[in-house]
N, C-alpha and C. Protein backbone atom coordinates (compact mmCIF):
# COMPACT_ATOMS: atom_id res chain seq x y z
N MET A 1 -3.00 28.08 -1.19
CA MET A 1 -2.87 27.17 -0.08
C MET A 1 -4.21 27.03 0.62
N SER A 2 -4.56 25.86 1.00
CA SER A 2 -5.83 25.60 1.66
C SER A 2 -5.77 26.03 3.12
N ASP A 3 -6.90 26.48 3.64
CA ASP A 3 -6.96 26.83 5.06
C ASP A 3 -7.64 25.72 5.87
N GLU A 4 -7.73 24.54 5.29
CA GLU A 4 -8.37 23.42 5.95
C GLU A 4 -7.32 22.57 6.64
N THR A 5 -7.77 21.81 7.63
CA THR A 5 -6.87 20.88 8.31
C THR A 5 -7.35 19.46 8.03
N GLY A 6 -6.52 18.51 8.35
CA GLY A 6 -6.90 17.11 8.18
C GLY A 6 -6.22 16.48 6.99
N VAL A 7 -6.82 15.42 6.53
CA VAL A 7 -6.23 14.63 5.46
C VAL A 7 -6.91 14.95 4.13
N ASN A 8 -6.17 14.77 3.09
CA ASN A 8 -6.72 14.92 1.75
C ASN A 8 -7.28 13.57 1.33
N VAL A 9 -8.60 13.44 1.34
CA VAL A 9 -9.20 12.14 1.01
C VAL A 9 -8.97 11.77 -0.45
N ASP A 10 -8.50 12.72 -1.24
CA ASP A 10 -8.15 12.42 -2.62
C ASP A 10 -6.95 11.49 -2.69
N ALA A 11 -6.25 11.30 -1.56
CA ALA A 11 -5.10 10.40 -1.52
C ALA A 11 -5.52 8.94 -1.52
N LEU A 12 -6.79 8.65 -1.22
CA LEU A 12 -7.25 7.27 -1.16
C LEU A 12 -7.04 6.52 -2.48
N PRO A 13 -7.35 7.11 -3.64
CA PRO A 13 -7.07 6.37 -4.89
C PRO A 13 -5.59 6.06 -5.07
N GLU A 14 -4.72 6.95 -4.58
CA GLU A 14 -3.28 6.68 -4.68
C GLU A 14 -2.91 5.48 -3.82
N ALA A 15 -3.51 5.39 -2.65
CA ALA A 15 -3.26 4.23 -1.78
C ALA A 15 -3.78 2.96 -2.43
N GLU A 16 -4.92 3.05 -3.07
CA GLU A 16 -5.47 1.88 -3.78
C GLU A 16 -4.56 1.48 -4.93
N ALA A 17 -4.00 2.46 -5.62
CA ALA A 17 -3.07 2.16 -6.72
C ALA A 17 -1.81 1.49 -6.18
N ALA A 18 -1.35 1.94 -5.02
CA ALA A 18 -0.17 1.33 -4.40
C ALA A 18 -0.46 -0.12 -4.02
N GLU A 19 -1.66 -0.38 -3.54
CA GLU A 19 -2.04 -1.74 -3.20
C GLU A 19 -2.08 -2.62 -4.45
N LEU A 20 -2.63 -2.10 -5.52
CA LEU A 20 -2.68 -2.84 -6.78
C LEU A 20 -1.27 -3.16 -7.27
N LEU A 21 -0.37 -2.20 -7.15
CA LEU A 21 1.02 -2.42 -7.55
C LEU A 21 1.66 -3.51 -6.69
N ALA A 22 1.39 -3.49 -5.38
CA ALA A 22 1.94 -4.50 -4.49
C ALA A 22 1.38 -5.89 -4.83
N GLU A 23 0.09 -5.94 -5.13
CA GLU A 23 -0.52 -7.22 -5.50
C GLU A 23 0.07 -7.73 -6.82
N THR A 24 0.33 -6.83 -7.74
CA THR A 24 0.95 -7.21 -9.01
C THR A 24 2.34 -7.77 -8.75
N MET A 25 3.05 -7.17 -7.81
CA MET A 25 4.38 -7.67 -7.47
C MET A 25 4.29 -9.08 -6.89
N ALA A 26 3.21 -9.35 -6.15
CA ALA A 26 3.03 -10.69 -5.60
C ALA A 26 2.91 -11.72 -6.73
N LEU A 27 2.29 -11.32 -7.82
CA LEU A 27 2.19 -12.20 -8.98
C LEU A 27 3.53 -12.39 -9.68
N LEU A 28 4.42 -11.43 -9.47
CA LEU A 28 5.75 -11.50 -10.08
C LEU A 28 6.48 -12.76 -9.61
N GLY A 29 6.24 -13.17 -8.36
CA GLY A 29 6.89 -14.37 -7.85
C GLY A 29 6.59 -15.59 -8.70
N GLY A 30 5.34 -15.76 -9.10
CA GLY A 30 4.97 -16.89 -9.94
C GLY A 30 5.63 -16.81 -11.31
N ARG A 31 5.68 -15.61 -11.85
CA ARG A 31 6.33 -15.42 -13.17
C ARG A 31 7.83 -15.69 -13.06
N PHE A 32 8.43 -15.25 -11.97
CA PHE A 32 9.85 -15.48 -11.75
C PHE A 32 10.14 -16.98 -11.66
N GLU A 33 9.29 -17.72 -10.95
CA GLU A 33 9.48 -19.17 -10.85
C GLU A 33 9.40 -19.83 -12.22
N GLU A 34 8.47 -19.37 -13.03
CA GLU A 34 8.30 -19.93 -14.38
C GLU A 34 9.55 -19.67 -15.23
N ILE A 35 10.07 -18.46 -15.15
CA ILE A 35 11.28 -18.12 -15.92
C ILE A 35 12.46 -18.99 -15.46
N MET A 36 12.60 -19.12 -14.15
CA MET A 36 13.72 -19.90 -13.62
C MET A 36 13.58 -21.37 -14.00
N GLU A 37 12.37 -21.88 -14.00
CA GLU A 37 12.14 -23.27 -14.40
C GLU A 37 12.56 -23.49 -15.85
N ASN A 38 12.26 -22.52 -16.70
CA ASN A 38 12.64 -22.61 -18.11
C ASN A 38 14.16 -22.53 -18.30
N LEU A 39 14.85 -21.90 -17.36
CA LEU A 39 16.31 -21.80 -17.46
C LEU A 39 17.01 -23.10 -17.09
N HIS A 40 16.41 -23.89 -16.23
CA HIS A 40 17.07 -25.10 -15.75
C HIS A 40 17.38 -26.09 -16.89
N GLY A 41 16.53 -26.17 -17.90
CA GLY A 41 16.76 -27.09 -19.00
C GLY A 41 18.01 -26.78 -19.80
N PRO A 42 18.17 -25.54 -20.28
CA PRO A 42 19.30 -25.24 -21.15
C PRO A 42 20.65 -25.07 -20.45
N VAL A 43 20.68 -24.89 -19.15
CA VAL A 43 21.97 -24.62 -18.51
C VAL A 43 22.69 -25.91 -18.15
N SER A 44 23.97 -25.77 -17.99
CA SER A 44 24.83 -26.90 -17.64
C SER A 44 24.52 -27.39 -16.23
N SER A 45 24.78 -28.65 -15.97
CA SER A 45 24.56 -29.21 -14.63
C SER A 45 25.45 -28.52 -13.59
N TYR A 46 26.54 -27.92 -14.04
CA TYR A 46 27.44 -27.21 -13.13
C TYR A 46 26.79 -25.90 -12.64
N VAL A 47 25.87 -25.38 -13.39
CA VAL A 47 25.23 -24.11 -13.08
C VAL A 47 23.93 -24.30 -12.31
N THR A 48 23.35 -25.48 -12.40
CA THR A 48 22.03 -25.72 -11.83
C THR A 48 21.94 -25.42 -10.34
N SER A 49 22.93 -25.83 -9.55
CA SER A 49 22.83 -25.61 -8.11
C SER A 49 22.89 -24.11 -7.79
N GLY A 50 23.75 -23.38 -8.48
CA GLY A 50 23.82 -21.93 -8.28
C GLY A 50 22.54 -21.25 -8.71
N LEU A 51 21.97 -21.73 -9.78
CA LEU A 51 20.71 -21.19 -10.27
C LEU A 51 19.59 -21.45 -9.27
N SER A 52 19.57 -22.64 -8.68
CA SER A 52 18.56 -22.97 -7.68
C SER A 52 18.71 -22.10 -6.44
N THR A 53 19.92 -21.88 -6.01
CA THR A 53 20.17 -21.02 -4.85
C THR A 53 19.72 -19.60 -5.14
N TYR A 54 20.06 -19.10 -6.32
CA TYR A 54 19.64 -17.75 -6.71
C TYR A 54 18.11 -17.66 -6.74
N GLU A 55 17.47 -18.67 -7.29
CA GLU A 55 16.00 -18.68 -7.38
C GLU A 55 15.39 -18.65 -5.98
N ASP A 56 15.89 -19.49 -5.08
CA ASP A 56 15.32 -19.54 -3.72
C ASP A 56 15.48 -18.21 -3.00
N ASN A 57 16.68 -17.63 -3.07
CA ASN A 57 16.93 -16.36 -2.39
C ASN A 57 16.12 -15.22 -3.00
N SER A 58 16.08 -15.16 -4.30
CA SER A 58 15.36 -14.08 -4.98
C SER A 58 13.86 -14.19 -4.78
N LEU A 59 13.34 -15.39 -4.85
CA LEU A 59 11.90 -15.59 -4.67
C LEU A 59 11.48 -15.19 -3.26
N GLU A 60 12.29 -15.54 -2.29
CA GLU A 60 12.00 -15.15 -0.91
C GLU A 60 11.97 -13.62 -0.77
N ASP A 61 12.93 -12.95 -1.40
CA ASP A 61 12.97 -11.48 -1.35
C ASP A 61 11.76 -10.86 -2.06
N ILE A 62 11.39 -11.42 -3.19
CA ILE A 62 10.23 -10.92 -3.93
C ILE A 62 8.96 -11.06 -3.08
N GLN A 63 8.80 -12.21 -2.45
CA GLN A 63 7.62 -12.45 -1.63
C GLN A 63 7.59 -11.52 -0.41
N THR A 64 8.73 -11.32 0.22
CA THR A 64 8.81 -10.43 1.38
C THR A 64 8.47 -9.00 0.98
N THR A 65 9.00 -8.56 -0.15
CA THR A 65 8.72 -7.21 -0.64
C THR A 65 7.25 -7.05 -0.98
N ALA A 66 6.67 -8.04 -1.61
CA ALA A 66 5.25 -7.98 -1.97
C ALA A 66 4.38 -7.90 -0.72
N ARG A 67 4.68 -8.73 0.29
CA ARG A 67 3.90 -8.69 1.54
C ARG A 67 4.03 -7.33 2.22
N SER A 68 5.23 -6.79 2.24
CA SER A 68 5.45 -5.47 2.85
C SER A 68 4.69 -4.39 2.09
N GLY A 69 4.72 -4.46 0.77
CA GLY A 69 4.02 -3.46 -0.05
C GLY A 69 2.52 -3.50 0.16
N ILE A 70 1.96 -4.70 0.25
CA ILE A 70 0.52 -4.84 0.48
C ILE A 70 0.16 -4.30 1.86
N ALA A 71 0.96 -4.65 2.87
CA ALA A 71 0.68 -4.16 4.23
C ALA A 71 0.78 -2.64 4.29
N LEU A 72 1.77 -2.07 3.63
CA LEU A 72 1.93 -0.61 3.62
C LEU A 72 0.74 0.05 2.95
N ALA A 73 0.33 -0.46 1.81
CA ALA A 73 -0.81 0.13 1.10
C ALA A 73 -2.08 0.05 1.94
N GLN A 74 -2.30 -1.07 2.59
CA GLN A 74 -3.48 -1.22 3.43
C GLN A 74 -3.43 -0.28 4.63
N ASN A 75 -2.25 -0.10 5.20
CA ASN A 75 -2.10 0.83 6.32
C ASN A 75 -2.38 2.27 5.89
N VAL A 76 -1.91 2.63 4.71
CA VAL A 76 -2.16 3.99 4.21
C VAL A 76 -3.65 4.19 3.98
N GLN A 77 -4.31 3.22 3.37
CA GLN A 77 -5.75 3.31 3.16
C GLN A 77 -6.49 3.45 4.48
N GLY A 78 -6.13 2.62 5.44
CA GLY A 78 -6.77 2.68 6.75
C GLY A 78 -6.55 4.01 7.43
N SER A 79 -5.35 4.55 7.30
CA SER A 79 -5.04 5.84 7.91
C SER A 79 -5.86 6.95 7.29
N VAL A 80 -5.95 6.95 5.98
CA VAL A 80 -6.73 7.99 5.29
C VAL A 80 -8.19 7.94 5.75
N LEU A 81 -8.75 6.75 5.83
CA LEU A 81 -10.14 6.62 6.25
C LEU A 81 -10.33 7.03 7.71
N GLU A 82 -9.40 6.63 8.56
CA GLU A 82 -9.48 6.98 9.99
C GLU A 82 -9.34 8.48 10.21
N ILE A 83 -8.42 9.11 9.52
CA ILE A 83 -8.24 10.55 9.66
C ILE A 83 -9.45 11.30 9.14
N ALA A 84 -10.01 10.85 8.03
CA ALA A 84 -11.21 11.50 7.49
C ALA A 84 -12.37 11.39 8.47
N ALA A 85 -12.53 10.22 9.09
CA ALA A 85 -13.61 10.03 10.07
C ALA A 85 -13.39 10.92 11.29
N THR A 86 -12.15 11.02 11.74
CA THR A 86 -11.83 11.89 12.88
C THR A 86 -12.09 13.34 12.54
N ASP A 87 -11.71 13.77 11.34
CA ASP A 87 -11.96 15.15 10.92
C ASP A 87 -13.45 15.46 10.91
N THR A 88 -14.23 14.53 10.42
CA THR A 88 -15.69 14.72 10.37
C THR A 88 -16.26 14.83 11.78
N ASP A 89 -15.82 13.95 12.67
CA ASP A 89 -16.29 13.99 14.05
C ASP A 89 -15.92 15.32 14.72
N ASN A 90 -14.68 15.75 14.52
CA ASN A 90 -14.23 17.00 15.13
C ASN A 90 -14.98 18.21 14.57
N ALA A 91 -15.24 18.19 13.27
CA ALA A 91 -15.98 19.30 12.66
C ALA A 91 -17.40 19.36 13.23
N ASP A 92 -18.02 18.19 13.41
CA ASP A 92 -19.37 18.16 13.99
C ASP A 92 -19.37 18.69 15.42
N GLU A 93 -18.39 18.29 16.22
CA GLU A 93 -18.29 18.77 17.60
C GLU A 93 -18.04 20.28 17.64
N PHE A 94 -17.22 20.77 16.73
CA PHE A 94 -16.93 22.19 16.66
C PHE A 94 -18.20 22.99 16.35
N ARG A 95 -18.94 22.51 15.36
CA ARG A 95 -20.19 23.19 14.99
C ARG A 95 -21.20 23.18 16.15
N GLU A 96 -21.29 22.04 16.82
CA GLU A 96 -22.20 21.95 17.97
C GLU A 96 -21.80 22.93 19.06
N GLY A 97 -20.50 23.06 19.30
CA GLY A 97 -20.01 24.00 20.30
C GLY A 97 -20.33 25.44 19.93
N LEU A 98 -20.18 25.76 18.66
CA LEU A 98 -20.49 27.12 18.20
C LEU A 98 -21.98 27.42 18.34
N GLU A 99 -22.80 26.42 18.04
CA GLU A 99 -24.25 26.61 18.17
C GLU A 99 -24.63 26.88 19.62
N GLU A 100 -23.98 26.19 20.55
CA GLU A 100 -24.27 26.40 21.96
C GLU A 100 -23.82 27.77 22.43
N LEU A 101 -22.73 28.29 21.88
CA LEU A 101 -22.26 29.63 22.24
C LEU A 101 -23.11 30.73 21.63
N ASP A 102 -23.81 30.38 20.56
CA ASP A 102 -24.67 31.34 19.87
C ASP A 102 -23.88 32.55 19.38
N ILE A 103 -22.71 32.27 18.76
CA ILE A 103 -21.87 33.32 18.18
C ILE A 103 -21.95 33.17 16.67
N PRO A 104 -22.27 34.25 15.95
CA PRO A 104 -22.33 34.14 14.48
C PRO A 104 -20.93 33.95 13.88
N VAL A 105 -20.77 32.90 13.10
CA VAL A 105 -19.50 32.60 12.43
C VAL A 105 -19.83 32.26 10.98
N ASN A 106 -19.03 32.83 10.09
CA ASN A 106 -19.20 32.52 8.65
C ASN A 106 -18.40 31.29 8.28
N PHE A 107 -19.05 30.31 7.65
CA PHE A 107 -18.33 29.11 7.17
C PHE A 107 -18.23 29.16 5.69
């Protein structure tokens, strides 16, 4: 177990991967529209209105999920960077305080 405090900056690549996944999901909306467009030709006219309703509802959900995923990934990235910066600032202040006290401490 580590005796350090703060954030694990190694989590930043994971946040970047989450953002990439969310962006990929955003592209899914275009692919979904293409698939649905291809379905309209072969289906009966009785099914077309239901298919259109399904497409509209599903596409809206896909887009909402993609936007939420991108926002979440960006927030995680921002948090990791902010916490790392705060940790660095606090460590610098701590070291400065120790130097002023002139107490020997092993790091």
